Amino acid sequence: MKVVIQRVSQSSVTIDSKIVAEIQKGLLILVGIEDSDGQEDIDWLVGKITKIRVFDDENHVMNLSVEDINGDIIVVSQFTLHASTKKGNRPSYIKAAKPDIAIPLYEKFVKSIELVLAKKVQTGVFGADMKVSLLNDGPVTILIDSKNRE
């Protein structure tokens, strides 16, 4: 699994001119799933995401997690995170999991975050044409790949 984590002051997801998810201070997480992903990837990423210290403490040092600040999260599926640009100018998405594999993993990912934070996680709609709005705070943007745990 690959994720892009963005610290936001506000974020929303709109589908067909209707807001389906909206948060204030927290994280916008874009997640891409591939066929080889499983529960181990979910568990490792959820641990990282909920504990990663990207929010300022009283000394303006990034020392607090989304859990520490009781922040909110929006998770949006994004198969394009697995784009291969090796050949030509048209990206290939062959590594991205098909919906029959990706949807259950996506749902487990969201539920796992909810269990750790003990609160509802907002989401987009898997496979929908979404308009994602965000006010990136910092900006702080972090890329994490569960297959490359550095």
Foldseek 3Di string as FASTA:
>chain_A
DKKKKFFFQKKFKDAPNRTQDIFGGDIEIEDFDFPPDDPVLLVVVLVCQQAPQQDQDPVGDSGGHCLRVVGAYEYEYDLCVCWDPPDDHDTDSVRTYDCVRPVVVSVVSQVVNCVVSVHHHHYDDPPGDMDMDGHGPVGDMDMDDSVDHD
